[in-house]
């Protein structure tokens, strides 16, 4: 599906949501393609985040919502994408290839977590959520992830254009 939105023929909302999440995962990775390591670690925006830091952030967003949230599994560092200054960071010693591999591995795990789970299924208790009232449905979580991806893909649009003039998807 590289470079293309999911087909307009998709009518099942869950299939459409899953397809758009994969689409935006691909968009984010393609926005980083071709950038040298120096640019991947350089911020072009006043907020100070870097393209690699944003990719680490998206990895942890999926981990927080689907592993810690949906499955209720404990995470030692649920906010592992936050550096000492509370901004997104790349762990010491991680190469661009490692950041990308961690992202791809988490996306693969996320697909397995949600496979066959109905959108109305509520998140497990004991991880991110302590009470049934706090636990959102999988559908809500997936829509939240989709808006997070769409917003950050736009951020990468701006960063990439400021870096080398590349525009668009």
Foldseek 3Di string as FASTA:
>chain_A
DQPDQPDPPDDPPVVNLLRLLVRLLNLLVVLCPPDDQVQQCADPDPVTDGSLLVLLVLLLLLCCCQVLAQAVDADPCSLVQQDPVGGGDDPPPDGSVNSNVSSVVSSVVSCVSCPPPDQQQWGDDNGPHPDSVPTHGNVVSSVVSSVSSVVVSVVSQVSSCSVPNDHDD
